[in-house]
Each structure stands twice: as structure tokens, then as C-alpha cells.
Amino acid sequence: MSANAAAKKQKPLKRHPSKLKKMSAYMILTLILISIVAVLFAFPLYWIITGSFKTGAARQYPRLAALARRYRVRLRVRKKQGLYFRVRPLLRRAGLWAGLAVFLPLLLWTQQFVWFADVSTLTAGQAARACAVLREAGLQPGAAVTEAKLTAGEYALLHSGEFSWASLNFAKGRLEVEAAAAKPKPDIAAGTLHGIRARCSGTVVRTNLVSGTMLVVPGQQVEAGQGLIGTARSERDGTLIFAPAAGTVLAQFEWNDTRTVPLEENVFQYTGGCTCSIELFVFGQAFALPAASAPENTVLTARHYQPELPLLGLALPCSVKETCRYVQQPETLHRTEAQAAALARLQSLQALYAAWPDAERIARKEDCTVNGNVLDYTVTYTVAADICG
């Protein structure tokens, strides 16, 4: 009885015909959409391959042509369309297939030459200098790459002073350049073991000690060759310990210069004429293109670049050196006294900063004297600069 009661209490499973109907409807709709898409794509493709809808199929043309030749019947095709008639003329061109057969091995062979130098990890200035250094080492686009050239290129980058670390990797025509910019030496590492002496006489204005012992104080008058920083420092108990001498001593001194500038001078002036010559470097060989003969008294400027395809932007495995020669002719240049004095002043300033790059100008005293066609210029600058030598 208990079992029958349990069976009566158990509820029968309910079916959901609505869900089944929805699933079957979705499947039917999906199949219909797939069929429509297949027809829409397959029928135009069939038309392109065969040629037309109602006319003879293109794939039957060879059989019809053979049948016409057999019975000596002239077969006239009024309209040709379809992929078959587009490809058929190309199959008869032996030069096209021969060129394709030669192009693929040639493409594989040219992978040993530099197609592109990847300098994306460098700045614009570093990339330009690195390319110039690699060009001198024989690693420009179009050059054959060997392990010896890669090693020589790495050493050339290091010896240039621009980079402290460099690495060159080459694979399938791509030369990857990786380098780290050189950093200046710390002041303490730039010290000397023999002490620092004064380059000229002057009055000490300010001192900055990095290592060693400072031997002068601000306001002290020093002479040329006098010791400024020693190579020892004292501990608290008075014990002297060796330390490299490093630091700066800013002193005030006078700097004199004399210049002579002619008021009339024969110089070369540009005429506007220019001739160019092009040298092509490809597959490890240099080819000079025909150019006009270079005239006398010319100034040369060279430019290196890598040609690219205009539409695709693809770099070609070659480099071009363009040399321009600008024509000059001798002329007599006339200067006024003011122009000559300005030129002499500029030359003196260039000489001052070449000798003392960190000089600060405090005062200037100059004298100009004209002797015939020559201007004699004398100047005295009072400057403050680092006199450590």
C-alpha cells in the first residue's frame, strides 16, 4: 500500500512543447539562411568561373575547340568572359613562369644582404649617428653581412664615444641595432692621482670639492701651476688618507686676444651652379652612374639615403650616395670698419669659448686700429671660469 501511495503522490514529468517548437523553428530558420547565403555566393562564383548564365560554359571550350578542329569547322567566339579566359593567355607565356621561377631563389639569396636597419630603440639623433658609423664599417643597406662585419660594427659604435653598449643582430635582411647612450663619468671618477693645479693666474671666486683636499679658499690670489686640490684627506685623528683629487675652482681672471681682419679680401662666392653624381651600392658592389664633369672651385656635399617603393613604402636592399658640387668663383669682398670689427669680435669670442667653455663674461675692453687695408683688433675680457687643469 505504501508503494502504491508513493506512486500516486509522485507527480508526472511535464513536457514543454513550446520550447521544442521554438528550437525546431530556429534550426529551420538557420538552415534557410545558410542555404540563401550559399546560393548568393556560389552562383556568382560559378558565373565568374564558367563565364555566363545562358551561354556555353567556359570549361567546355577546350572540348568544343577540339571537336571543331576535328571536323574542320571554324569556331567563332563572340564574347569571352570568366576566369578561364583570363588565365588561359597567361599559361602560354613562358617568360612569366621563368621569371617567377627565378624570382623566388633570387629573393632567398638576397636575404644575406641588408634590406633594413632597425634603429627604433634609438632617438633620431642617435639613429643618424649610428647609421653614419655603420656606413663607414660597411654595413649600409645593400651590403653583405658577415660575423666579422657585425663585430667590427659593434666596436665602431663603442669607439665613437656616443654609446656605452652596442649590439648588432642580423636575420633575413633585417639589421637590428641596439645601443645605450654613453653617460659622463662621475666627478669622483674623473679625479687625478697627482693633484689639480691652476691653468692660469686669477682670484678664486668659488670652490667645489668632490674628493681630496682643497688647498685654496675664495678670495685667494693664485698663480699658474699652483696646486688647487690635493690627493689626501685627513681623518678626525689627523691621519692623512689618500684620495683622488676631484672638484672645481672658479676664478676670475683676464683673457687677452688680438685679431687682424683685412678690409678687402679675395673670397670664393657661390654662383648657383650645381652638378650631381649618384653612386648606387647594391649586392655588395658600388656602381657609379654617368654624371657631368665637375668644374673647378667647387664645394662637395654628400647625402646618403635608401630608396623605397612609392606606393608600398617597402625599402629596397640598396643605398644611394648623392654628391652635389656647388660652383664658386673668386670675388673681392669689401668690408667697412664696423663689419671688420664685428667679424674680429666674433672670432675672439669663438676662441674664448674654445679655450674656456664655461666662461662667464664680466667685462670687455677692446681697441680697433686701421692700418691701410687692415683692421687691428685687441680685446681684453674679464671672465670667471674653472681654472682646474
Protein backbone atom coordinates (compact mmCIF):
# COMPACT_ATOMS: atom_id res chain seq x y z
CA MET A 1 0.00 0.00 0.00
CA SER A 2 2.79 2.36 0.88
CA ALA A 3 4.43 1.85 -2.51
CA ASN A 4 1.17 2.48 -4.35
CA ALA A 5 0.59 5.59 -2.29
CA ALA A 6 4.07 6.87 -3.11
CA ALA A 7 3.43 6.24 -6.80
CA LYS A 8 0.21 8.12 -6.64
CA LYS A 9 1.83 11.04 -4.86
CA GLN A 10 4.68 11.29 -7.41
CA LYS A 11 3.95 13.96 -10.00
CA PRO A 12 4.43 13.08 -13.66
CA LEU A 13 7.07 14.95 -15.75
CA LYS A 14 5.66 17.87 -17.67
CA ARG A 15 6.73 18.42 -21.22
CA HIS A 16 7.23 21.83 -22.70
CA PRO A 17 6.13 21.62 -26.31
CA SER A 18 6.59 25.36 -26.74
CA LYS A 19 10.39 25.14 -26.20
CA LEU A 20 10.70 22.22 -28.62
CA LYS A 21 8.74 24.13 -31.22
CA LYS A 22 10.99 27.16 -30.75
CA MET A 23 14.17 25.07 -31.15
CA SER A 24 12.89 23.40 -34.30
CA ALA A 25 11.85 26.76 -35.70
CA TYR A 26 15.31 28.24 -35.01
CA MET A 27 17.02 25.29 -36.69
CA ILE A 28 14.79 25.57 -39.76
CA LEU A 29 15.38 29.32 -39.98
CA THR A 30 19.15 28.79 -39.65
CA LEU A 31 19.19 26.20 -42.42
CA ILE A 32 17.19 28.52 -44.67
CA LEU A 33 19.63 31.40 -44.07
CA ILE A 34 22.64 29.16 -44.75
CA SER A 35 21.07 27.97 -47.99
CA ILE A 36 20.36 31.52 -49.13
CA VAL A 37 23.93 32.65 -48.37
CA ALA A 38 25.37 29.62 -50.15
CA VAL A 39 23.30 30.33 -53.24
CA LEU A 40 24.17 34.04 -53.23
CA PHE A 41 27.90 33.32 -53.04
CA ALA A 42 28.10 30.15 -55.07
CA PHE A 43 26.10 31.32 -58.07
CA PRO A 44 28.23 34.45 -58.82
CA LEU A 45 31.37 32.37 -58.32
CA TYR A 46 30.03 29.80 -60.75
CA TRP A 47 29.24 32.59 -63.21
CA ILE A 48 32.74 34.05 -62.89
CA ILE A 49 34.39 30.67 -63.47
CA THR A 50 32.14 29.40 -66.23
CA GLY A 51 31.67 32.71 -67.98
CA SER A 52 27.94 33.32 -68.34
CA PHE A 53 24.47 32.15 -67.35
CA LYS A 54 22.80 31.06 -70.57
CA THR A 55 25.71 30.61 -72.93
CA GLY A 56 28.15 27.72 -73.11
CA ALA A 57 30.30 27.06 -70.05
CA ALA A 58 33.93 28.07 -70.24
CA ARG A 59 35.07 24.67 -69.06
CA GLN A 60 33.55 23.15 -72.20
CA TYR A 61 35.55 25.38 -74.52
CA PRO A 62 38.59 23.04 -74.89
CA ARG A 63 36.27 20.15 -75.88
CA LEU A 64 34.39 22.30 -78.35
CA ALA A 65 37.63 23.62 -79.82
CA ALA A 66 38.99 20.08 -80.26
CA LEU A 67 35.76 18.97 -81.87
CA ALA A 68 35.84 21.93 -84.26
CA ARG A 69 39.42 21.19 -85.30
CA ARG A 70 38.49 17.56 -85.89
CA TYR A 71 35.74 18.38 -88.33
CA ARG A 72 37.49 21.42 -89.76
CA VAL A 73 34.87 23.78 -88.54
CA ARG A 74 35.70 27.37 -87.74
CA LEU A 75 34.68 28.14 -84.19
CA ARG A 76 33.92 31.78 -83.56
CA VAL A 77 33.51 33.01 -80.01
CA ARG A 78 31.71 36.31 -79.93
CA LYS A 79 32.17 37.12 -76.27
CA LYS A 80 34.67 35.73 -73.79
CA GLN A 81 34.19 36.19 -70.08
CA GLY A 82 35.11 34.27 -67.00
CA LEU A 83 38.22 33.30 -65.10
CA TYR A 84 39.21 30.64 -67.60
CA PHE A 85 39.68 33.09 -70.46
CA ARG A 86 41.58 35.46 -68.16
CA VAL A 87 44.10 32.82 -67.04
CA ARG A 88 44.44 30.93 -70.35
CA PRO A 89 46.64 33.55 -72.10
CA LEU A 90 48.97 33.66 -69.10
CA LEU A 91 49.56 29.92 -69.26
CA ARG A 92 51.17 30.29 -72.68
CA ARG A 93 53.72 32.93 -71.56
CA ALA A 94 56.89 31.04 -70.78
CA GLY A 95 58.74 34.21 -69.74
CA LEU A 96 56.25 34.86 -66.96
CA TRP A 97 56.75 31.45 -65.40
CA ALA A 98 60.51 31.60 -65.95
CA GLY A 99 60.61 34.97 -64.17
CA LEU A 100 58.60 33.53 -61.28
CA ALA A 101 60.95 30.56 -61.06
CA VAL A 102 63.98 32.89 -60.96
CA PHE A 103 62.42 35.44 -58.60
CA LEU A 104 61.91 33.08 -55.66
CA PRO A 105 65.53 31.81 -55.50
CA LEU A 106 66.78 35.36 -56.03
CA LEU A 107 64.62 36.57 -53.14
CA LEU A 108 66.06 33.89 -50.87
CA TRP A 109 69.61 34.72 -51.99
CA THR A 110 69.24 38.43 -51.24
CA GLN A 111 68.44 37.71 -47.59
CA GLN A 112 72.17 37.77 -46.87
CA PHE A 113 72.23 41.49 -47.68
CA VAL A 114 70.97 44.35 -45.54
CA TRP A 115 67.43 45.32 -46.51
CA PHE A 116 66.54 47.42 -43.50
CA ALA A 117 68.34 48.77 -40.40
CA ASP A 118 66.05 48.74 -37.38
CA VAL A 119 67.03 51.68 -35.12
CA SER A 120 63.64 52.06 -33.42
CA THR A 121 65.23 51.80 -29.95
CA LEU A 122 67.36 54.93 -30.56
CA THR A 123 66.47 58.58 -30.75
CA ALA A 124 66.51 60.44 -34.06
CA GLY A 125 69.96 61.93 -33.43
CA GLN A 126 71.43 58.68 -32.15
CA ALA A 127 69.97 56.79 -35.13
CA ALA A 128 71.56 59.22 -37.61
CA ARG A 129 74.97 58.97 -35.95
CA ALA A 130 74.73 55.19 -35.65
CA CYS A 131 73.88 54.84 -39.36
CA ALA A 132 76.87 57.03 -40.26
CA VAL A 133 79.20 54.89 -38.14
CA LEU A 134 77.80 51.64 -39.58
CA ARG A 135 78.15 53.03 -43.10
CA GLU A 136 81.86 53.56 -42.50
CA ALA A 137 82.06 49.97 -41.21
CA GLY A 138 80.47 48.65 -44.43
CA LEU A 139 77.01 47.85 -43.04
CA GLN A 140 74.83 50.14 -45.14
CA PRO A 141 71.72 48.83 -46.96
CA GLY A 142 72.74 46.58 -49.83
CA ALA A 143 75.93 45.29 -48.16
CA ALA A 144 76.62 41.64 -47.45
CA VAL A 145 76.73 40.80 -43.74
CA THR A 146 79.31 38.59 -42.05
CA GLU A 147 80.19 37.93 -38.44
CA ALA A 148 83.40 39.91 -38.85
CA LYS A 149 81.44 42.96 -40.08
CA LEU A 150 78.98 42.70 -37.19
CA THR A 151 81.84 42.59 -34.68
CA ALA A 152 83.61 45.50 -36.37
CA GLY A 153 80.36 47.49 -36.38
CA GLU A 154 79.84 46.95 -32.65
CA TYR A 155 83.40 48.11 -31.88
CA ALA A 156 82.95 51.11 -34.19
CA LEU A 157 79.82 52.16 -32.28
CA LEU A 158 81.64 51.85 -28.96
CA HIS A 159 84.72 53.76 -30.19
CA SER A 160 82.56 56.60 -31.50
CA GLY A 161 82.01 57.78 -27.91
CA GLU A 162 78.26 58.09 -28.47
CA PHE A 163 77.34 54.72 -26.94
CA SER A 164 78.48 52.78 -23.90
CA TRP A 165 76.99 49.48 -25.08
CA ALA A 166 76.06 48.25 -28.57
CA SER A 167 74.71 45.06 -30.10
CA LEU A 168 74.07 44.16 -33.76
CA ASN A 169 71.81 41.26 -34.78
CA PHE A 170 71.11 40.24 -38.37
CA ALA A 171 68.44 37.88 -39.65
CA LYS A 172 66.78 37.60 -43.08
CA GLY A 173 67.82 41.03 -44.33
CA ARG A 174 66.98 42.90 -41.12
CA LEU A 175 69.81 44.52 -39.19
CA GLU A 176 68.72 45.25 -35.63
CA VAL A 177 70.75 47.93 -33.86
CA GLU A 178 70.58 48.13 -30.06
CA ALA A 179 72.71 50.58 -28.11
CA ALA A 180 72.79 52.51 -24.85
CA ALA A 181 73.83 56.14 -24.73
CA ALA A 182 77.15 56.90 -23.06
CA LYS A 183 76.94 58.62 -19.69
CA PRO A 184 79.53 61.10 -18.41
CA LYS A 185 81.95 59.96 -15.75
CA PRO A 186 81.16 60.85 -12.17
CA ASP A 187 83.19 63.72 -10.77
CA ILE A 188 84.99 61.44 -8.35
CA ALA A 189 85.92 59.03 -11.15
CA ALA A 190 87.34 61.94 -13.16
CA GLY A 191 89.83 62.78 -10.41
CA THR A 192 93.61 62.67 -10.82
CA LEU A 193 96.21 60.92 -8.69
CA HIS A 194 98.72 63.79 -8.87
CA GLY A 195 96.63 66.69 -7.67
CA ILE A 196 94.98 69.52 -9.61
CA ARG A 197 96.85 72.70 -10.50
CA ALA A 198 95.77 76.07 -11.84
CA ARG A 199 95.81 76.63 -15.61
CA CYS A 200 96.29 80.38 -15.22
CA SER A 201 96.57 83.04 -12.54
CA GLY A 202 93.49 84.68 -11.05
CA THR A 203 91.39 85.30 -7.96
CA VAL A 204 89.38 82.39 -6.51
CA VAL A 205 85.65 83.10 -6.51
CA ARG A 206 84.07 79.77 -5.59
CA THR A 207 85.24 76.22 -4.85
CA ASN A 208 83.54 72.84 -5.07
CA LEU A 209 85.38 69.85 -3.56
CA VAL A 210 84.38 66.34 -4.62
CA SER A 211 87.36 64.32 -3.44
CA GLY A 212 90.76 65.10 -1.95
CA THR A 213 91.77 68.25 -0.05
CA MET A 214 91.01 71.81 -1.14
CA LEU A 215 94.19 73.92 -0.94
CA VAL A 216 92.69 77.36 -1.74
CA VAL A 217 89.84 79.48 -0.40
CA PRO A 218 87.58 82.08 -2.08
CA GLY A 219 89.29 85.46 -2.41
CA GLN A 220 92.79 83.98 -2.62
CA GLN A 221 95.11 85.01 -5.45
CA VAL A 222 96.60 82.00 -7.27
CA GLU A 223 99.33 81.72 -9.88
CA ALA A 224 99.55 79.48 -12.93
CA GLY A 225 100.71 75.99 -11.91
CA GLN A 226 99.78 76.44 -8.24
CA GLY A 227 98.17 73.46 -6.53
CA LEU A 228 94.41 73.77 -6.05
CA ILE A 229 93.26 70.33 -4.85
CA GLY A 230 95.49 67.76 -3.13
CA THR A 231 95.30 63.98 -3.16
CA ALA A 232 94.88 63.42 0.58
CA ARG A 233 92.25 63.99 3.24
CA SER A 234 92.64 63.95 6.99
CA GLU A 235 90.61 61.86 9.40
CA ARG A 236 89.36 63.09 12.78
CA ASP A 237 92.54 61.97 14.46
CA GLY A 238 94.67 63.83 11.89
CA THR A 239 95.69 60.77 9.88
CA LEU A 240 96.15 61.51 6.17
CA ILE A 241 94.38 59.11 3.81
CA PHE A 242 94.96 59.09 0.06
CA ALA A 243 92.00 60.24 -2.08
CA PRO A 244 91.93 61.21 -5.77
CA ALA A 245 91.71 64.94 -6.41
CA ALA A 246 88.39 65.98 -7.98
CA GLY A 247 86.42 69.21 -7.91
CA THR A 248 86.20 72.68 -9.44
CA VAL A 249 87.73 76.06 -8.61
CA LEU A 250 86.01 79.06 -10.16
CA ALA A 251 88.37 82.03 -10.50
CA GLN A 252 88.21 85.49 -12.04
CA PHE A 253 90.97 86.45 -14.48
CA GLU A 254 91.66 88.47 -17.62
CA TRP A 255 91.88 86.94 -21.08
CA ASN A 256 93.55 88.82 -23.98
CA ASP A 257 93.25 88.27 -27.72
CA THR A 258 94.41 90.03 -30.90
CA ARG A 259 92.88 89.71 -34.37
CA THR A 260 93.74 91.11 -37.80
CA VAL A 261 90.93 91.46 -40.35
CA PRO A 262 91.55 92.76 -43.92
CA LEU A 263 89.12 95.36 -45.27
CA GLU A 264 89.49 93.90 -48.77
CA GLU A 265 89.75 90.16 -49.26
CA ASN A 266 89.56 87.77 -52.18
CA VAL A 267 86.99 85.10 -51.34
CA PHE A 268 85.00 82.47 -53.22
CA GLN A 269 81.29 83.17 -53.69
CA TYR A 270 78.61 80.71 -54.81
CA THR A 271 77.36 81.19 -58.36
CA GLY A 272 74.27 78.99 -58.11
CA GLY A 273 75.64 76.31 -60.40
CA CYS A 274 75.50 72.72 -59.20
CA THR A 275 76.33 69.27 -60.58
CA CYS A 276 75.28 65.99 -59.01
CA SER A 277 76.69 62.48 -59.22
CA ILE A 278 74.99 59.33 -57.94
CA GLU A 279 76.65 56.16 -56.73
CA LEU A 280 74.47 53.07 -56.25
CA PHE A 281 75.51 50.44 -53.71
CA VAL A 282 73.67 47.13 -54.18
CA PHE A 283 74.53 43.48 -53.54
CA GLY A 284 77.87 44.45 -52.05
CA GLN A 285 79.00 46.34 -55.17
CA ALA A 286 79.22 50.06 -55.93
CA PHE A 287 78.08 51.38 -59.32
CA ALA A 288 78.73 55.00 -60.31
CA LEU A 289 76.14 56.40 -62.68
CA PRO A 290 77.27 58.68 -65.52
CA ALA A 291 77.46 62.35 -64.50
CA ALA A 292 78.73 65.65 -65.85
CA SER A 293 82.35 66.57 -65.29
CA ALA A 294 82.98 68.54 -62.10
CA PRO A 295 84.14 72.13 -62.63
CA GLU A 296 86.92 73.77 -60.64
CA ASN A 297 86.47 75.59 -57.33
CA THR A 298 83.56 73.51 -56.04
CA VAL A 299 82.31 72.59 -52.57
CA LEU A 300 81.24 68.98 -52.08
CA THR A 301 78.27 67.82 -50.02
CA ALA A 302 77.28 64.14 -49.80
CA ARG A 303 73.90 62.70 -48.87
CA HIS A 304 73.06 59.05 -48.22
CA TYR A 305 69.56 57.63 -48.45
CA GLN A 306 67.74 54.36 -49.09
CA PRO A 307 65.16 54.29 -51.91
CA GLU A 308 61.66 52.97 -51.24
CA LEU A 309 58.74 51.87 -53.38
CA PRO A 310 56.45 54.92 -53.73
CA LEU A 311 53.13 53.19 -53.03
CA LEU A 312 54.01 50.33 -50.71
CA GLY A 313 56.74 52.08 -48.71
CA LEU A 314 58.93 48.96 -48.90
CA ALA A 315 62.67 49.61 -48.51
CA LEU A 316 64.88 48.18 -51.23
CA PRO A 317 68.18 46.38 -50.47
CA CYS A 318 70.36 49.18 -51.78
CA SER A 319 71.65 52.60 -50.79
CA VAL A 320 72.34 55.72 -52.82
CA LYS A 321 75.13 58.25 -52.30
CA GLU A 322 74.34 61.59 -53.89
CA THR A 323 77.26 64.01 -54.19
CA CYS A 324 76.49 67.63 -55.06
CA ARG A 325 79.20 70.02 -56.23
CA TYR A 326 78.40 73.72 -55.84
CA VAL A 327 80.34 76.03 -58.13
CA GLN A 328 82.23 79.01 -56.70
CA GLN A 329 84.08 81.89 -58.30
CA PRO A 330 86.65 84.30 -56.81
CA GLU A 331 85.46 87.78 -55.96
CA THR A 332 86.82 90.73 -53.98
CA LEU A 333 84.94 91.32 -50.75
CA HIS A 334 84.90 94.88 -49.33
CA ARG A 335 84.24 95.40 -45.61
CA THR A 336 83.59 98.52 -43.64
CA GLU A 337 85.36 99.19 -40.35
CA ALA A 338 82.22 98.25 -38.42
CA GLN A 339 81.89 94.98 -40.32
CA ALA A 340 85.56 94.15 -39.78
CA ALA A 341 85.28 94.92 -36.07
CA ALA A 342 82.19 92.72 -35.75
CA LEU A 343 83.99 89.86 -37.52
CA ALA A 344 87.04 90.24 -35.26
CA ARG A 345 84.81 90.32 -32.17
CA LEU A 346 83.10 87.11 -33.29
CA GLN A 347 86.44 85.37 -33.87
CA SER A 348 87.65 86.40 -30.41
CA LEU A 349 84.52 85.07 -28.74
CA GLN A 350 84.89 81.78 -30.58
CA ALA A 351 88.48 81.50 -29.38
CA LEU A 352 87.45 82.40 -25.81
CA TYR A 353 84.80 79.68 -25.53
CA ALA A 354 87.03 77.17 -27.27
CA ALA A 355 89.64 77.68 -24.52
CA TRP A 356 87.16 78.17 -21.62
CA PRO A 357 83.81 76.54 -22.43
CA ASP A 358 82.22 77.50 -19.09
CA ALA A 359 83.47 81.11 -19.10
CA GLU A 360 81.18 83.85 -17.75
CA ARG A 361 81.92 87.26 -19.24
CA ILE A 362 82.10 90.05 -16.69
CA ALA A 363 83.70 92.96 -18.60
CA ARG A 364 85.20 93.75 -22.01
CA LYS A 365 87.76 96.29 -23.15
CA GLU A 366 88.59 96.49 -26.86
CA ASP A 367 90.63 98.67 -29.20
CA CYS A 368 90.39 98.94 -33.02
CA THR A 369 93.10 100.49 -35.24
CA VAL A 370 93.07 100.74 -39.04
CA ASN A 371 96.45 100.38 -40.78
CA GLY A 372 95.95 100.70 -44.52
CA ASN A 373 93.55 97.95 -45.60
CA VAL A 374 93.87 96.01 -42.33
CA LEU A 375 91.97 96.37 -39.06
CA ASP A 376 93.94 95.51 -35.91
CA TYR A 377 91.63 94.40 -33.11
CA THR A 378 92.71 93.95 -29.47
CA VAL A 379 90.34 92.87 -26.71
CA THR A 380 90.61 92.08 -23.01
CA TYR A 381 87.83 90.07 -21.35
CA THR A 382 87.36 89.77 -17.60
CA VAL A 383 85.85 86.32 -17.13
CA ALA A 384 85.11 83.78 -14.42
CA ALA A 385 85.81 80.15 -15.27
CA ASP A 386 87.03 76.87 -13.84
CA ILE A 387 90.83 77.03 -13.83
CA CYS A 388 91.46 73.44 -12.75
CA GLY A 389 93.90 71.83 -15.15
